[in-house]
């Protein structure tokens, strides 16, 4: 069940990232890199191989999203919480 919840959260965050408008060129690059990592994890047969990388990337992205994209912060915190419940 937790894997399914994580996958759903990542899908929603991926779509949100692709629809978001970064305010800076650097923000655009960071958004695209995070979206690419999320897509790679979602396309993987074993999502658990990506847990630690996702946790680290999502943690780093929170500060960048905080001012510009509060909805993305909420989605990211939900995924971080799910990862935490898995023990990551």
Foldseek 3Di string as FASTA:
>chain_A
DLVVVLLVLLVVLLVVLVPFDAPDPVRVVLSVVLSVLSVVLNVDPDNVVCLVVNLVSLVVCLVVCVPRPVVSNVSSVSNNVSSVVVPD
